[in-house]
């Protein structure tokens, strides 16, 4: 396992400080605040550690309440709401400086047989035929501010290969509100399905809400843009591995009131639909004062 991936696995593992209390550290990805995927993955990890091993996450619903401070740890308080015959429910509140910054409700289920159907996987080029995100962004490196450029060129725990990237991230053409990205970890992982679930939760917040900006010809780099996740929802349909290629197909059906809505579907390379995602986020463009 590469060091950067090993660091992420340890970051999501958390420190147990009481029966239902956990503490997590933060990564500084260069934005000055905690990456939404980090607190999402850590909160799910905290919930997982209070659930029997034969129960696996099938859904989570979360709200981002306040920006997180990357220089301070985050405490995760788990409420064991229900332990039923087939389902287990947990509520997790992430606390920093005495205030909740995030809350999550997650549900877990024992494995059982049942009816099956799914959407077909979209027809896309295989990941091996595409540039990865680092190769693509290197072409524009000289145009990024130094503190952003240094962070963007660092090795990452996930390899990302966009199917249909913008020709120029600083001046994108307007287009359909959709995006497709292949992703997988940069190294092999242990055979723990719950680890793969909260690693996918971490990765699912990458380039998600910005899909709603594509029809408007702007990006998070556009001057005056304020972009932030407001909530995040995931449904886990069947087992998968985060260290094998997954396609995150995203689309934005609506934007209004400085908010954008994005939906996603996650497929394995052989076409299995393994997860669905959704998020609403702030997409506010501040106009210059006159």
Protein backbone atom coordinates (compact mmCIF):
# COMPACT_ATOMS: atom_id res chain seq x y z
CA UNK A 1 0.00 0.00 0.00
CA UNK A 2 1.35 3.46 -0.87
CA UNK A 3 2.09 5.87 1.98
CA UNK A 4 -0.57 8.35 0.92
CA UNK A 5 -3.23 5.61 0.85
CA UNK A 6 -1.98 4.17 4.15
CA UNK A 7 -2.26 7.66 5.66
CA UNK A 8 -5.88 7.92 4.48
CA UNK A 9 -6.79 4.49 5.88
CA UNK A 10 -5.31 5.52 9.25
CA UNK A 11 -7.08 8.89 9.07
CA UNK A 12 -10.44 7.14 8.67
CA UNK A 13 -9.75 4.48 11.31
CA UNK A 14 -10.17 6.95 14.23
CA UNK A 15 -9.13 6.77 17.88
CA UNK A 16 -11.72 5.38 20.31
CA UNK A 17 -11.78 7.61 23.41
CA UNK A 18 -14.95 6.23 25.04
CA UNK A 19 -17.58 3.60 24.30
CA UNK A 20 -19.38 5.79 21.74
CA UNK A 21 -16.84 8.58 21.29
CA UNK A 22 -14.12 8.68 18.63
CA UNK A 23 -11.49 11.24 17.66
CA UNK A 24 -10.18 11.89 14.17
CA UNK A 25 -7.40 14.07 12.82
CA UNK A 26 -7.68 16.17 9.67
CA UNK A 27 -5.88 16.49 6.36
CA UNK A 28 -5.15 19.91 4.92
CA UNK A 29 -5.91 19.62 1.20
CA UNK A 30 -5.15 23.29 0.63
CA UNK A 31 -8.61 24.81 1.04
CA UNK A 32 -8.22 25.94 4.64
CA UNK A 33 -11.23 23.89 5.77
CA UNK A 34 -11.84 20.16 6.22
CA UNK A 35 -12.67 18.27 3.00
CA UNK A 36 -16.30 17.15 3.14
CA UNK A 37 -15.41 13.61 2.11
CA UNK A 38 -13.10 13.33 5.12
CA UNK A 39 -15.75 14.06 7.75
CA UNK A 40 -18.21 11.90 5.81
CA UNK A 41 -15.83 8.93 5.77
CA UNK A 42 -14.79 9.41 9.40
CA UNK A 43 -18.40 9.65 10.63
CA UNK A 44 -19.31 6.45 8.78
CA UNK A 45 -16.21 4.81 10.25
CA UNK A 46 -17.32 5.82 13.76
CA UNK A 47 -20.77 4.35 13.18
CA UNK A 48 -19.30 1.14 11.71
CA UNK A 49 -17.25 0.58 14.86
CA UNK A 50 -20.42 0.35 16.99
CA UNK A 51 -22.23 -2.13 14.70
CA UNK A 52 -21.92 -5.95 14.61
CA UNK A 53 -19.56 -7.17 11.87
CA UNK A 54 -22.33 -9.06 10.04
CA UNK A 55 -24.20 -5.80 9.32
CA UNK A 56 -23.10 -3.60 6.46
CA UNK A 57 -24.00 0.01 5.61
CA UNK A 58 -26.81 0.33 3.07
CA UNK A 59 -27.57 4.05 3.37
CA UNK A 60 -26.37 7.29 4.91
CA UNK A 61 -27.87 10.77 5.06
CA UNK A 62 -25.69 13.66 6.21
CA UNK A 63 -25.67 17.44 6.66
CA UNK A 64 -22.63 19.71 6.67
CA UNK A 65 -23.37 22.32 9.37
CA UNK A 66 -20.17 24.36 9.81
CA UNK A 67 -16.74 24.47 8.15
CA UNK A 68 -14.20 22.22 9.88
CA UNK A 69 -10.84 23.52 11.10
CA UNK A 70 -8.00 21.43 9.61
CA UNK A 71 -5.67 22.35 12.49
CA UNK A 72 -7.82 20.68 15.17
CA UNK A 73 -9.13 17.15 15.77
CA UNK A 74 -12.81 16.25 15.35
CA UNK A 75 -14.78 14.28 17.96
CA UNK A 76 -17.48 11.88 16.70
CA UNK A 77 -20.32 11.12 19.11
CA UNK A 78 -22.29 8.00 18.11
CA UNK A 79 -25.90 7.53 19.22
CA UNK A 80 -26.97 3.86 19.09
CA UNK A 81 -30.53 4.62 18.05
CA UNK A 82 -31.74 1.11 17.19
CA UNK A 83 -30.56 -2.49 16.97
CA UNK A 84 -33.28 -4.54 15.26
CA UNK A 85 -33.53 -8.07 13.96
CA UNK A 86 -32.24 -7.15 10.49
CA UNK A 87 -31.40 -3.44 10.60
CA UNK A 88 -29.23 -1.27 12.83
CA UNK A 89 -29.42 2.54 12.90
CA UNK A 90 -26.80 4.99 14.13
CA UNK A 91 -26.66 8.77 14.41
CA UNK A 92 -23.27 10.49 14.49
CA UNK A 93 -22.52 14.10 15.41
CA UNK A 94 -19.09 15.53 14.55
CA UNK A 95 -17.98 18.13 17.10
CA UNK A 96 -15.22 20.71 16.97
CA UNK A 97 -14.63 23.62 19.36
CA UNK A 98 -17.74 22.57 21.28
CA UNK A 99 -20.04 22.93 18.26
CA UNK A 100 -21.53 20.37 15.88
CA UNK A 101 -20.05 20.76 12.41
CA UNK A 102 -21.71 17.74 10.78
CA UNK A 103 -24.31 15.08 11.48
CA UNK A 104 -24.98 11.73 9.87
CA UNK A 105 -27.66 9.05 10.07
CA UNK A 106 -26.59 5.63 8.80
CA UNK A 107 -28.47 2.35 8.49
CA UNK A 108 -26.95 -1.14 8.41
CA UNK A 109 -28.45 -4.47 7.35
CA UNK A 110 -27.59 -8.14 7.53
CA UNK A 111 -26.98 -9.80 4.15
CA UNK A 112 -30.15 -11.43 2.81
CA UNK A 113 -31.49 -12.59 -0.59
CA UNK A 114 -34.24 -10.76 -2.51
CA UNK A 115 -35.45 -9.35 -5.83
CA UNK A 116 -32.77 -7.80 -8.03
CA UNK A 117 -32.74 -5.30 -10.91
CA UNK A 118 -30.57 -2.32 -11.87
CA UNK A 119 -29.98 0.40 -14.45
CA UNK A 120 -27.60 -0.39 -17.28
CA UNK A 121 -24.10 1.03 -17.10
CA UNK A 122 -23.43 3.90 -19.54
CA UNK A 123 -21.18 3.22 -22.53
CA UNK A 124 -17.85 4.88 -21.67
CA UNK A 125 -14.19 4.44 -22.63
CA UNK A 126 -12.25 2.08 -20.33
CA UNK A 127 -10.08 3.77 -17.68
CA UNK A 128 -6.81 2.55 -19.21
CA UNK A 129 -7.53 4.66 -22.31
CA UNK A 130 -7.84 7.94 -20.37
CA UNK A 131 -5.48 10.45 -18.76
CA UNK A 132 -5.54 10.61 -15.00
CA UNK A 133 -6.39 13.82 -13.18
CA UNK A 134 -2.79 14.65 -12.25
CA UNK A 135 -1.62 14.33 -15.87
CA UNK A 136 -4.45 16.55 -17.05
CA UNK A 137 -3.98 19.24 -14.39
CA UNK A 138 -0.19 19.34 -14.98
CA UNK A 139 -0.92 20.99 -18.33
CA UNK A 140 -2.45 23.96 -16.48
CA UNK A 141 -0.16 23.97 -13.45
CA UNK A 142 1.49 27.32 -14.25
CA UNK A 143 -1.91 29.06 -14.12
CA UNK A 144 -2.79 27.93 -10.59
CA UNK A 145 -1.84 29.98 -7.51
CA UNK A 146 1.28 28.39 -5.93
CA UNK A 147 -0.49 27.08 -2.81
CA UNK A 148 -3.15 25.38 -4.97
CA UNK A 149 -0.62 24.08 -7.51
CA UNK A 150 1.54 22.45 -4.84
CA UNK A 151 -1.43 20.59 -3.34
CA UNK A 152 -2.87 19.53 -6.69
CA UNK A 153 0.40 18.01 -7.86
CA UNK A 154 0.86 15.86 -4.75
CA UNK A 155 0.27 12.10 -4.88
CA UNK A 156 -3.30 11.20 -3.98
CA UNK A 157 -4.87 8.13 -2.35
CA UNK A 158 -7.31 7.73 -5.26
CA UNK A 159 -6.47 7.75 -8.94
CA UNK A 160 -9.10 9.68 -10.91
CA UNK A 161 -9.63 9.44 -14.67
CA UNK A 162 -12.26 11.85 -16.02
CA UNK A 163 -14.15 10.58 -19.05
CA UNK A 164 -15.13 14.01 -20.40
CA UNK A 165 -12.94 16.71 -18.78
CA UNK A 166 -13.26 20.40 -19.61
CA UNK A 167 -10.83 21.60 -22.28
CA UNK A 168 -9.79 24.50 -20.04
CA UNK A 169 -10.67 24.46 -16.30
CA UNK A 170 -10.21 28.24 -16.16
CA UNK A 171 -12.56 29.00 -19.07
CA UNK A 172 -14.83 25.97 -19.53
CA UNK A 173 -17.42 25.86 -22.29
CA UNK A 174 -21.05 25.52 -21.22
CA UNK A 175 -22.31 21.96 -21.57
CA UNK A 176 -24.73 19.36 -20.26
CA UNK A 177 -24.85 19.04 -16.48
CA UNK A 178 -23.14 15.68 -16.36
CA UNK A 179 -19.75 14.19 -15.54
CA UNK A 180 -18.24 10.70 -15.45
CA UNK A 181 -15.08 9.79 -13.54
CA UNK A 182 -13.29 6.47 -13.12
CA UNK A 183 -11.73 6.09 -9.67
CA UNK A 184 -9.86 3.58 -7.54
CA UNK A 185 -7.32 3.62 -4.74
CA UNK A 186 -3.66 3.74 -5.74
CA UNK A 187 -2.89 0.52 -3.85
CA UNK A 188 -4.43 -2.77 -2.74
CA UNK A 189 -6.62 -2.76 0.38
CA UNK A 190 -7.52 -5.33 3.04
CA UNK A 191 -10.61 -7.50 2.42
CA UNK A 192 -12.86 -5.52 4.80
CA UNK A 193 -16.05 -4.46 2.94
CA UNK A 194 -16.79 -1.75 5.50
CA UNK A 195 -13.39 -0.15 4.88
CA UNK A 196 -14.22 -0.03 1.17
CA UNK A 197 -17.57 1.63 2.01
CA UNK A 198 -16.11 4.55 3.94
CA UNK A 199 -13.30 4.98 1.43
CA UNK A 200 -15.92 5.33 -1.32
CA UNK A 201 -17.77 7.81 0.93
CA UNK A 202 -14.54 9.83 1.13
CA UNK A 203 -14.06 9.76 -2.65
CA UNK A 204 -17.70 10.42 -3.57
CA UNK A 205 -17.46 14.08 -2.56
CA UNK A 206 -14.73 14.74 -5.15
CA UNK A 207 -15.91 16.97 -8.05
CA UNK A 208 -19.52 16.19 -7.12
CA UNK A 209 -21.37 19.45 -6.51
CA UNK A 210 -19.28 21.23 -9.17
CA UNK A 211 -21.16 19.14 -11.76
CA UNK A 212 -24.00 21.66 -11.30
CA UNK A 213 -21.69 24.45 -12.55
CA UNK A 214 -21.07 22.92 -15.99
CA UNK A 215 -24.17 24.42 -17.74
CA UNK A 216 -23.10 27.90 -16.58
CA UNK A 217 -19.53 27.89 -17.90
CA UNK A 218 -17.90 28.42 -14.49
CA UNK A 219 -15.83 26.30 -12.09
CA UNK A 220 -14.75 26.56 -8.46
CA UNK A 221 -11.73 28.47 -9.84
CA UNK A 222 -13.92 31.25 -11.28
CA UNK A 223 -13.39 34.51 -9.32
CA UNK A 224 -16.17 35.11 -6.81
CA UNK A 225 -17.40 31.50 -6.70
CA UNK A 226 -18.35 30.11 -3.30
CA UNK A 227 -18.87 26.33 -3.47
CA UNK A 228 -19.69 24.16 -0.45
CA UNK A 229 -21.47 20.88 0.24
CA UNK A 230 -24.73 21.24 2.22
CA UNK A 231 -25.76 17.60 2.48
CA UNK A 232 -24.78 14.18 1.15
CA UNK A 233 -26.70 10.94 0.65
CA UNK A 234 -25.45 7.47 -0.30
CA UNK A 235 -27.09 4.10 -0.82
CA UNK A 236 -24.89 1.01 -0.98
CA UNK A 237 -26.57 -1.65 -3.13
CA UNK A 238 -24.08 -4.53 -3.23
CA UNK A 239 -20.44 -5.33 -2.37
CA UNK A 240 -17.57 -3.67 -4.24
CA UNK A 241 -13.88 -2.95 -3.88
CA UNK A 242 -12.55 0.60 -3.77
CA UNK A 243 -9.18 -0.68 -5.03
CA UNK A 244 -10.74 -1.77 -8.35
CA UNK A 245 -12.02 0.63 -11.00
CA UNK A 246 -15.39 2.25 -10.23
CA UNK A 247 -17.26 4.66 -12.50
CA UNK A 248 -19.00 7.57 -10.75
CA UNK A 249 -21.57 8.91 -13.21
CA UNK A 250 -23.00 12.28 -12.08
CA UNK A 251 -25.72 14.63 -13.34
CA UNK A 252 -27.39 17.78 -12.05
CA UNK A 253 -31.15 17.98 -12.69
CA UNK A 254 -31.65 21.44 -11.15
CA UNK A 255 -30.05 24.57 -9.70
CA UNK A 256 -31.91 27.42 -8.02
CA UNK A 257 -31.43 29.92 -5.20
CA UNK A 258 -27.63 29.56 -5.21
CA UNK A 259 -28.03 25.80 -4.65
CA UNK A 260 -27.31 22.95 -7.04
CA UNK A 261 -28.54 19.36 -6.85
CA UNK A 262 -26.40 16.50 -8.13
CA UNK A 263 -27.15 12.78 -8.41
CA UNK A 264 -24.72 9.94 -9.01
CA UNK A 265 -24.49 6.24 -9.77
CA UNK A 266 -21.41 4.11 -9.07
CA UNK A 267 -20.70 1.11 -11.31
CA UNK A 268 -17.99 -1.53 -11.26
CA UNK A 269 -16.01 -2.02 -14.46
CA UNK A 270 -18.08 -5.13 -15.26
CA UNK A 271 -21.33 -3.12 -15.08
CA UNK A 272 -22.71 -3.77 -11.59
CA UNK A 273 -24.51 -0.80 -10.00
CA UNK A 274 -23.05 -0.83 -6.48
CA UNK A 275 -23.99 2.58 -5.04
CA UNK A 276 -26.11 5.67 -5.64
CA UNK A 277 -25.26 9.18 -4.45
CA UNK A 278 -26.90 12.59 -4.16
CA UNK A 279 -25.86 15.98 -2.87
CA UNK A 280 -27.13 19.54 -2.66
CA UNK A 281 -24.56 22.28 -2.39
CA UNK A 282 -24.04 26.01 -2.29
CA UNK A 283 -23.01 27.42 -5.68
CA UNK A 284 -22.99 31.15 -4.98
CA UNK A 285 -21.27 33.62 -7.30
CA UNK A 286 -20.45 36.81 -5.49
CA UNK A 287 -20.64 39.83 -7.75
CA UNK A 288 -18.03 42.60 -7.43
CA UNK A 289 -19.23 45.54 -5.35
CA UNK A 290 -19.78 48.71 -7.34
